[in-house]
C-alpha atoms as a PDB file:
ATOM      1  CA  UNK A   1     123.299  83.115  92.853  1.00  0.00           C
ATOM      2  CA  UNK A   2     123.851  85.316  90.117  1.00  0.00           C
ATOM      3  CA  UNK A   3     124.768  84.142  86.845  1.00  0.00           C
ATOM      4  CA  UNK A   4     128.512  84.987  85.992  1.00  0.00           C
ATOM      5  CA  UNK A   5     128.384  87.517  82.757  1.00  0.00           C
ATOM      6  CA  UNK A   6     129.935  86.389  79.677  1.00  0.00           C
ATOM      7  CA  UNK A   7     133.069  88.578  78.778  1.00  0.00           C
ATOM      8  CA  UNK A   8     132.424  90.539  75.608  1.00  0.00           C
ATOM      9  CA  UNK A   9     130.971  92.987  73.494  1.00  0.00           C
ATOM     10  CA  UNK A  10     128.187  94.285  70.799  1.00  0.00           C
ATOM     11  CA  UNK A  11     128.737  95.022  67.082  1.00  0.00           C
ATOM     12  CA  UNK A  12     125.937  96.109  65.782  1.00  0.00           C
ATOM     13  CA  UNK A  13     123.628  94.607  68.436  1.00  0.00           C
ATOM     14  CA  UNK A  14     125.633  91.152  68.338  1.00  0.00           C
ATOM     15  CA  UNK A  15     127.542  89.934  71.441  1.00  0.00           C
ATOM     16  CA  UNK A  16     130.515  88.963  70.217  1.00  0.00           C
ATOM     17  CA  UNK A  17     132.425  86.794  73.164  1.00  0.00           C
ATOM     18  CA  UNK A  18     136.016  87.739  74.033  1.00  0.00           C
ATOM     19  CA  UNK A  19     138.205  84.718  72.475  1.00  0.00           C
ATOM     20  CA  UNK A  20     135.978  83.631  69.691  1.00  0.00           C
ATOM     21  CA  UNK A  21     137.198  83.554  66.445  1.00  0.00           C
ATOM     22  CA  UNK A  22     135.178  86.609  65.499  1.00  0.00           C
ATOM     23  CA  UNK A  23     136.709  88.390  68.471  1.00  0.00           C
ATOM     24  CA  UNK A  24     140.199  87.481  67.017  1.00  0.00           C
ATOM     25  CA  UNK A  25     139.117  88.731  63.325  1.00  0.00           C
ATOM     26  CA  UNK A  26     138.043  92.152  64.554  1.00  0.00           C
ATOM     27  CA  UNK A  27     141.116  92.864  66.957  1.00  0.00           C
ATOM     28  CA  UNK A  28     143.592  92.148  64.428  1.00  0.00           C
ATOM     29  CA  UNK A  29     141.038  94.664  61.798  1.00  0.00           C
ATOM     30  CA  UNK A  30     141.752  97.032  64.836  1.00  0.00           C
ATOM     31  CA  UNK A  31     145.305  96.597  65.008  1.00  0.00           C
ATOM     32  CA  UNK A  32     147.587  99.450  65.964  1.00  0.00           C
ATOM     33  CA  UNK A  33     150.480 101.742  63.219  1.00  0.00           C
ATOM     34  CA  UNK A  34     153.536  99.364  62.529  1.00  0.00           C
ATOM     35  CA  UNK A  35     156.179 100.665  64.920  1.00  0.00           C
ATOM     36  CA  UNK A  36     154.156 102.142  68.058  1.00  0.00           C
ATOM     37  CA  UNK A  37     154.839 100.668  70.972  1.00  0.00           C
ATOM     38  CA  UNK A  38     152.865  98.682  73.596  1.00  0.00           C
ATOM     39  CA  UNK A  39     152.555 101.898  76.045  1.00  0.00           C
ATOM     40  CA  UNK A  40     151.720 103.977  72.885  1.00  0.00           C
ATOM     41  CA  UNK A  41     149.187 102.436  71.510  1.00  0.00           C
ATOM     42  CA  UNK A  42     147.953 101.658  75.475  1.00  0.00           C
ATOM     43  CA  UNK A  43     147.938 105.454  76.262  1.00  0.00           C
ATOM     44  CA  UNK A  44     145.688 106.419  72.326  1.00  0.00           C
ATOM     45  CA  UNK A  45     143.402 103.528  72.992  1.00  0.00           C
ATOM     46  CA  UNK A  46     142.829 105.059  76.482  1.00  0.00           C
ATOM     47  CA  UNK A  47     142.366 108.987  75.107  1.00  0.00           C
ATOM     48  CA  UNK A  48     140.122 107.676  72.857  1.00  0.00           C
ATOM     49  CA  UNK A  49     138.438 105.815  74.649  1.00  0.00           C
ATOM     50  CA  UNK A  50     137.401 108.733  77.214  1.00  0.00           C
ATOM     51  CA  UNK A  51     136.947 110.753  73.757  1.00  0.00           C
ATOM     52  CA  UNK A  52     133.989 108.014  73.220  1.00  0.00           C
ATOM     53  CA  UNK A  53     132.709 108.249  76.324  1.00  0.00           C
ATOM     54  CA  UNK A  54     132.012 111.689  75.437  1.00  0.00           C
ATOM     55  CA  UNK A  55     130.052 110.885  72.611  1.00  0.00           C
ATOM     56  CA  UNK A  56     127.966 109.149  74.576  1.00  0.00           C
ATOM     57  CA  UNK A  57     126.749 112.688  75.665  1.00  0.00           C
ATOM     58  CA  UNK A  58     126.944 114.709  72.714  1.00  0.00           C
ATOM     59  CA  UNK A  59     123.860 116.248  71.287  1.00  0.00           C
ATOM     60  CA  UNK A  60     121.867 113.965  68.269  1.00  0.00           C
ATOM     61  CA  UNK A  61     122.147 116.814  65.765  1.00  0.00           C
ATOM     62  CA  UNK A  62     126.252 117.418  66.466  1.00  0.00           C
ATOM     63  CA  UNK A  63     126.758 113.483  66.439  1.00  0.00           C
ATOM     64  CA  UNK A  64     124.819 113.810  62.874  1.00  0.00           C
ATOM     65  CA  UNK A  65     127.087 116.074  61.372  1.00  0.00           C
ATOM     66  CA  UNK A  66     130.019 113.988  62.037  1.00  0.00           C
ATOM     67  CA  UNK A  67     128.748 111.283  59.925  1.00  0.00           C
ATOM     68  CA  UNK A  68     131.212 108.869  62.246  1.00  0.00           C
ATOM     69  CA  UNK A  69     130.991 105.005  60.686  1.00  0.00           C
ATOM     70  CA  UNK A  70     128.620 103.070  61.012  1.00  0.00           C
ATOM     71  CA  UNK A  71     129.936 100.245  63.400  1.00  0.00           C
ATOM     72  CA  UNK A  72     131.480 103.224  65.831  1.00  0.00           C
ATOM     73  CA  UNK A  73     127.776 105.088  65.969  1.00  0.00           C
ATOM     74  CA  UNK A  74     126.198 101.295  66.814  1.00  0.00           C
ATOM     75  CA  UNK A  75     128.803 100.555  69.062  1.00  0.00           C
ATOM     76  CA  UNK A  76     128.205 103.839  70.542  1.00  0.00           C
ATOM     77  CA  UNK A  77     124.298 102.943  71.193  1.00  0.00           C
ATOM     78  CA  UNK A  78     124.922  99.791  72.213  1.00  0.00           C
ATOM     79  CA  UNK A  79     126.673 101.437  75.025  1.00  0.00           C
ATOM     80  CA  UNK A  80     123.882 103.138  76.021  1.00  0.00           C
ATOM     81  CA  UNK A  81     122.006 100.743  76.473  1.00  0.00           C
ATOM     82  CA  UNK A  82     124.164  98.574  78.776  1.00  0.00           C
ATOM     83  CA  UNK A  83     124.274  99.575  82.763  1.00  0.00           C
ATOM     84  CA  UNK A  84     125.745  96.726  84.004  1.00  0.00           C
ATOM     85  CA  UNK A  85     128.973  98.067  85.063  1.00  0.00           C
ATOM     86  CA  UNK A  86     131.710  95.317  83.853  1.00  0.00           C
ATOM     87  CA  UNK A  87     129.510  94.884  80.405  1.00  0.00           C
ATOM     88  CA  UNK A  88     129.841  98.836  79.737  1.00  0.00           C
ATOM     89  CA  UNK A  89     133.302  99.213  80.269  1.00  0.00           C
ATOM     90  CA  UNK A  90     134.360  95.983  77.982  1.00  0.00           C
ATOM     91  CA  UNK A  91     131.907  98.019  75.524  1.00  0.00           C
ATOM     92  CA  UNK A  92     134.159 101.383  75.414  1.00  0.00           C
ATOM     93  CA  UNK A  93     137.244  99.165  75.623  1.00  0.00           C
ATOM     94  CA  UNK A  94     135.579  98.373  72.246  1.00  0.00           C
ATOM     95  CA  UNK A  95     134.207 101.842  71.119  1.00  0.00           C
ATOM     96  CA  UNK A  96     138.206 103.143  71.994  1.00  0.00           C
ATOM     97  CA  UNK A  97     139.325 100.270  69.711  1.00  0.00           C
ATOM     98  CA  UNK A  98     137.030 101.659  66.322  1.00  0.00           C
ATOM     99  CA  UNK A  99     138.027 105.151  66.812  1.00  0.00           C
ATOM    100  CA  UNK A 100     141.395 104.526  66.476  1.00  0.00           C
ATOM    101  CA  UNK A 101     140.737 103.756  62.945  1.00  0.00           C
ATOM    102  CA  UNK A 102     139.125 107.395  62.597  1.00  0.00           C
ATOM    103  CA  UNK A 103     141.223 109.736  60.610  1.00  0.00           C
ATOM    104  CA  UNK A 104     142.852 113.208  62.243  1.00  0.00           C
ATOM    105  CA  UNK A 105     140.527 114.889  60.938  1.00  0.00           C
ATOM    106  CA  UNK A 106     137.084 113.427  62.150  1.00  0.00           C
ATOM    107  CA  UNK A 107     139.087 113.213  65.792  1.00  0.00           C
ATOM    108  CA  UNK A 108     139.382 116.938  65.498  1.00  0.00           C
ATOM    109  CA  UNK A 109     135.433 116.995  64.345  1.00  0.00           C
ATOM    110  CA  UNK A 110     135.006 115.465  67.855  1.00  0.00           C
ATOM    111  CA  UNK A 111     136.778 117.807  69.541  1.00  0.00           C
ATOM    112  CA  UNK A 112     135.043 120.808  68.078  1.00  0.00           C
ATOM    113  CA  UNK A 113     131.511 119.013  68.348  1.00  0.00           C
ATOM    114  CA  UNK A 114     131.672 118.573  72.062  1.00  0.00           C
ATOM    115  CA  UNK A 115     133.567 121.987  72.434  1.00  0.00           C
ATOM    116  CA  UNK A 116     130.444 123.761  70.602  1.00  0.00           C
ATOM    117  CA  UNK A 117     128.244 121.652  72.814  1.00  0.00           C
ATOM    118  CA  UNK A 118     129.565 122.683  76.207  1.00  0.00           C
ATOM    119  CA  UNK A 119     130.236 126.280  75.780  1.00  0.00           C
ATOM    120  CA  UNK A 120     128.350 127.166  72.110  1.00  0.00           C
ATOM    121  CA  UNK A 121     129.339 128.160  68.820  1.00  0.00           C
ATOM    122  CA  UNK A 122     131.516 131.116  68.011  1.00  0.00           C
ATOM    123  CA  UNK A 123     128.424 133.024  66.666  1.00  0.00           C
ATOM    124  CA  UNK A 124     126.511 131.754  69.489  1.00  0.00           C
ATOM    125  CA  UNK A 125     129.449 133.536  72.630  1.00  0.00           C
ATOM    126  CA  UNK A 126     129.351 136.822  70.052  1.00  0.00           C
ATOM    127  CA  UNK A 127     126.028 137.231  70.507  1.00  0.00           C
ATOM    128  CA  UNK A 128     126.290 137.055  73.803  1.00  0.00           C
ATOM    129  CA  UNK A 129     129.056 139.460  74.179  1.00  0.00           C
ATOM    130  CA  UNK A 130     127.642 141.805  72.125  1.00  0.00           C
ATOM    131  CA  UNK A 131     124.290 141.655  73.628  1.00  0.00           C
ATOM    132  CA  UNK A 132     126.134 142.290  76.908  1.00  0.00           C
ATOM    133  CA  UNK A 133     127.834 145.476  75.646  1.00  0.00           C
ATOM    134  CA  UNK A 134     124.328 146.522  74.432  1.00  0.00           C
ATOM    135  CA  UNK A 135     122.843 146.219  77.591  1.00  0.00           C
ATOM    136  CA  UNK A 136     125.544 147.678  79.553  1.00  0.00           C
ATOM    137  CA  UNK A 137     125.493 150.789  76.702  1.00  0.00           C
ATOM    138  CA  UNK A 138     121.714 151.260  76.938  1.00  0.00           C
ATOM    139  CA  UNK A 139     122.224 151.561  81.100  1.00  0.00           C
ATOM    140  CA  UNK A 140     125.329 153.645  80.790  1.00  0.00           C
ATOM    141  CA  UNK A 141     124.008 156.433  77.809  1.00  0.00           C
ATOM    142  CA  UNK A 142     120.995 157.976  76.673  1.00  0.00           C
ATOM    143  CA  UNK A 143     122.327 158.119  73.079  1.00  0.00           C
ATOM    144  CA  UNK A 144     122.645 154.482  72.870  1.00  0.00           C
ATOM    145  CA  UNK A 145     118.920 154.308  72.806  1.00  0.00           C
ATOM    146  CA  UNK A 146     118.444 156.126  70.295  1.00  0.00           C
ATOM    147  CA  UNK A 147     121.430 154.224  68.590  1.00  0.00           C
ATOM    148  CA  UNK A 148     120.032 151.027  69.003  1.00  0.00           C
ATOM    149  CA  UNK A 149     116.352 152.035  67.755  1.00  0.00           C
ATOM    150  CA  UNK A 150     118.107 152.550  64.755  1.00  0.00           C
ATOM    151  CA  UNK A 151     119.701 149.411  64.091  1.00  0.00           C
ATOM    152  CA  UNK A 152     116.755 147.727  65.389  1.00  0.00           C
ATOM    153  CA  UNK A 153     113.253 149.750  64.504  1.00  0.00           C
ATOM    154  CA  UNK A 154     111.650 146.215  65.525  1.00  0.00           C
ATOM    155  CA  UNK A 155     111.766 146.656  69.211  1.00  0.00           C
ATOM    156  CA  UNK A 156     109.147 147.691  71.800  1.00  0.00           C
ATOM    157  CA  UNK A 157     110.031 151.198  72.457  1.00  0.00           C
ATOM    158  CA  UNK A 158     107.779 151.612  75.592  1.00  0.00           C
ATOM    159  CA  UNK A 159     109.032 148.232  76.887  1.00  0.00           C
ATOM    160  CA  UNK A 160     113.127 149.076  76.502  1.00  0.00           C
ATOM    161  CA  UNK A 161     112.241 152.128  77.685  1.00  0.00           C
ATOM    162  CA  UNK A 162     110.589 150.807  81.276  1.00  0.00           C
ATOM    163  CA  UNK A 163     113.605 148.522  81.350  1.00  0.00           C
ATOM    164  CA  UNK A 164     116.502 150.614  81.156  1.00  0.00           C
ATOM    165  CA  UNK A 165     114.566 152.917  83.730  1.00  0.00           C
ATOM    166  CA  UNK A 166     114.575 150.375  85.987  1.00  0.00           C
ATOM    167  CA  UNK A 167     117.116 149.018  85.568  1.00  0.00           C
ATOM    168  CA  UNK A 168     119.051 152.288  86.143  1.00  0.00           C
ATOM    169  CA  UNK A 169     117.162 153.013  89.505  1.00  0.00           C
ATOM    170  CA  UNK A 170     117.428 148.925  90.933  1.00  0.00           C
ATOM    171  CA  UNK A 171     121.319 149.779  89.937  1.00  0.00           C
ATOM    172  CA  UNK A 172     123.329 148.791  93.700  1.00  0.00           C
ATOM    173  CA  UNK A 173     125.098 151.757  94.656  1.00  0.00           C
ATOM    174  CA  UNK A 174     129.229 151.597  94.332  1.00  0.00           C
ATOM    175  CA  UNK A 175     130.664 149.170  97.194  1.00  0.00           C
ATOM    176  CA  UNK A 176     134.237 149.409  97.273  1.00  0.00           C
ATOM    177  CA  UNK A 177     134.600 146.666  99.833  1.00  0.00           C
ATOM    178  CA  UNK A 178     133.369 144.628  97.562  1.00  0.00           C
ATOM    179  CA  UNK A 179     134.434 145.461  94.704  1.00  0.00           C
ATOM    180  CA  UNK A 180     138.616 144.616  96.730  1.00  0.00           C
ATOM    181  CA  UNK A 181     137.218 141.190  97.367  1.00  0.00           C
ATOM    182  CA  UNK A 182     136.140 140.345  94.088  1.00  0.00           C
ATOM    183  CA  UNK A 183     132.531 140.506  94.355  1.00  0.00           C
ATOM    184  CA  UNK A 184     130.246 141.041  91.972  1.00  0.00           C
ATOM    185  CA  UNK A 185     127.102 142.674  93.028  1.00  0.00           C
ATOM    186  CA  UNK A 186     124.318 141.376  92.690  1.00  0.00           C
ATOM    187  CA  UNK A 187     122.129 142.138  89.267  1.00  0.00           C
ATOM    188  CA  UNK A 188     118.580 143.162  89.125  1.00  0.00           C
ATOM    189  CA  UNK A 189     115.307 141.702  87.165  1.00  0.00           C
ATOM    190  CA  UNK A 190     114.834 144.567  85.562  1.00  0.00           C
ATOM    191  CA  UNK A 191     118.951 144.119  84.569  1.00  0.00           C
ATOM    192  CA  UNK A 192     117.941 140.343  83.139  1.00  0.00           C
ATOM    193  CA  UNK A 193     115.435 141.252  81.400  1.00  0.00           C
ATOM    194  CA  UNK A 194     116.820 143.856  79.319  1.00  0.00           C
ATOM    195  CA  UNK A 195     119.684 141.712  78.220  1.00  0.00           C
ATOM    196  CA  UNK A 196     117.369 139.111  77.443  1.00  0.00           C
ATOM    197  CA  UNK A 197     115.101 142.270  75.487  1.00  0.00           C
ATOM    198  CA  UNK A 198     117.953 142.961  73.184  1.00  0.00           C
ATOM    199  CA  UNK A 199     119.656 139.494  73.079  1.00  0.00           C
ATOM    200  CA  UNK A 200     116.450 138.433  71.658  1.00  0.00           C
ATOM    201  CA  UNK A 201     115.787 141.236  69.497  1.00  0.00           C
ATOM    202  CA  UNK A 202     119.292 140.762  67.639  1.00  0.00           C
ATOM    203  CA  UNK A 203     118.828 137.234  66.942  1.00  0.00           C
ATOM    204  CA  UNK A 204     115.436 137.800  65.382  1.00  0.00           C
ATOM    205  CA  UNK A 205     117.397 140.605  63.306  1.00  0.00           C
ATOM    206  CA  UNK A 206     119.667 138.347  62.394  1.00  0.00           C
ATOM    207  CA  UNK A 207     117.232 135.710  61.235  1.00  0.00           C
ATOM    208  CA  UNK A 208     114.831 138.222  59.292  1.00  0.00           C
ATOM    209  CA  UNK A 209     118.197 139.126  57.821  1.00  0.00           C
ATOM    210  CA  UNK A 210     118.995 134.991  56.911  1.00  0.00           C
ATOM    211  CA  UNK A 211     115.477 134.632  55.822  1.00  0.00           C
ATOM    212  CA  UNK A 212     115.233 137.883  53.271  1.00  0.00           C
ATOM    213  CA  UNK A 213     119.019 136.866  52.079  1.00  0.00           C
ATOM    214  CA  UNK A 214     117.018 133.378  51.167  1.00  0.00           C
ATOM    215  CA  UNK A 215     113.903 134.818  49.276  1.00  0.00           C
ATOM    216  CA  UNK A 216     116.684 136.782  47.103  1.00  0.00           C
ATOM    217  CA  UNK A 217     118.415 133.512  45.898  1.00  0.00           C
ATOM    218  CA  UNK A 218     115.284 132.185  45.549  1.00  0.00           C
END
């Protein structure tokens, strides 16, 4: 017969049994703000517990940037180690209670970090949009290449010319039926490689400029 799981949760690696003196003390510390109804507190707790579950997937560098309280970090780490469903559920309830003690700025920072992980930073998104624009301009106009080489002289001229020629050659003919159905034409390998080259050169130029700026400040 399997042993019945004892109810409780972990704090800094130590198991806290539900109903124990330490459990009552911790719950008293985590009590909600005066004037809040039980429904309000339940809704808030559930939302923060869900947010805590998302924190379990956050990259280590983004997590470190948040500078969360040590007790919450320990509880999250413990939740990641627990594999038993019921045990993990109770541990996440404790995480939700701990998160109720966080300030609005910290909660906003958590949302921002999760958004950055899901969709990239604003700078990364801007770089992608700019790279897509340059790729399309290079394929559409010969004048764009001269402008590109002036701005990014470290580019391998022979390579980029070859990719542009191949991308133009591989471009599929206009398909009115597909356009009317909202279907995007399949992109060629040269089209994708041109984008990768453009993005890499823009990233390299940005890194080079940042390095020069640091050297000037030193």
